[in-house]
N, C-alpha and C. Protein backbone atom coordinates (compact mmCIF):
# COMPACT_ATOMS: atom_id res chain seq x y z
N MET A 1 156.38 145.14 55.19
CA MET A 1 156.90 144.22 56.17
C MET A 1 156.16 144.34 57.63
N LEU A 2 156.04 145.61 57.94
CA LEU A 2 155.28 145.84 59.30
C LEU A 2 153.80 145.44 59.04
N VAL A 3 153.30 145.77 57.95
CA VAL A 3 151.90 145.45 57.69
C VAL A 3 151.69 144.10 57.68
N ILE A 4 152.60 143.24 57.02
CA ILE A 4 152.44 141.79 57.03
C ILE A 4 152.53 141.19 58.49
N ASP A 5 153.40 141.77 59.29
CA ASP A 5 153.54 141.24 60.67
C ASP A 5 152.28 141.52 61.41
N LEU A 6 151.62 142.72 61.15
CA LEU A 6 150.46 143.11 61.85
C LEU A 6 149.33 142.27 61.39
N LYS A 7 149.22 141.85 60.07
CA LYS A 7 148.05 140.97 59.56
C LYS A 7 148.41 139.58 60.20
N LEU A 8 149.65 139.10 60.27
CA LEU A 8 149.93 137.88 60.79
C LEU A 8 149.48 137.76 62.27
N ALA A 9 149.84 138.79 63.00
CA ALA A 9 149.49 138.88 64.45
C ALA A 9 148.03 138.99 64.66
N LEU A 10 147.28 139.68 63.81
CA LEU A 10 145.75 139.69 63.79
C LEU A 10 145.17 138.39 63.53
N PHE A 11 145.83 137.76 62.47
CA PHE A 11 145.26 136.30 62.04
C PHE A 11 145.43 135.42 63.23
N LEU A 12 146.60 135.35 63.87
CA LEU A 12 146.89 134.39 64.96
C LEU A 12 145.87 134.75 66.17
N PHE A 13 145.73 136.00 66.35
CA PHE A 13 144.83 136.44 67.54
C PHE A 13 143.38 135.90 67.29
N LEU A 14 142.90 136.16 66.00
CA LEU A 14 141.50 135.78 65.75
C LEU A 14 141.39 134.14 65.75
N LEU A 15 142.61 133.48 65.34
CA LEU A 15 142.60 132.02 65.30
C LEU A 15 142.50 131.57 66.78
N LEU A 16 143.28 132.12 67.68
CA LEU A 16 143.21 131.83 69.13
C LEU A 16 141.89 132.13 69.73
N LEU A 17 141.19 133.19 69.39
CA LEU A 17 139.80 133.67 69.83
C LEU A 17 139.00 132.62 69.39
N ALA A 18 139.01 132.21 68.14
CA ALA A 18 138.07 131.10 67.62
C ALA A 18 138.24 129.85 68.27
N GLY A 19 139.49 129.53 68.64
CA GLY A 19 139.70 128.20 69.38
C GLY A 19 139.22 128.37 70.76
N ALA A 20 139.27 129.49 71.34
CA ALA A 20 138.77 129.63 72.75
C ALA A 20 137.26 129.61 72.78
N PHE A 21 136.62 130.08 71.75
CA PHE A 21 135.11 129.96 71.62
C PHE A 21 134.68 128.59 71.38
N TRP A 22 135.52 127.88 70.58
CA TRP A 22 135.22 126.55 70.24
C TRP A 22 135.30 125.57 71.49
N LEU A 23 136.25 125.92 72.25
CA LEU A 23 136.53 125.09 73.57
C LEU A 23 135.31 125.36 74.47
N VAL A 24 134.91 126.60 74.70
CA VAL A 24 133.85 126.96 75.44
C VAL A 24 132.53 126.44 74.98
N TRP A 25 132.31 126.41 73.66
CA TRP A 25 131.20 125.91 73.10
C TRP A 25 131.04 124.49 73.18
């Protein structure tokens, strides 16, 4: 359960980071 939450949080963080790079690019 905790591992899944961490993976989901990491996925959302990477998605947000990718979105930020896409906006800057």
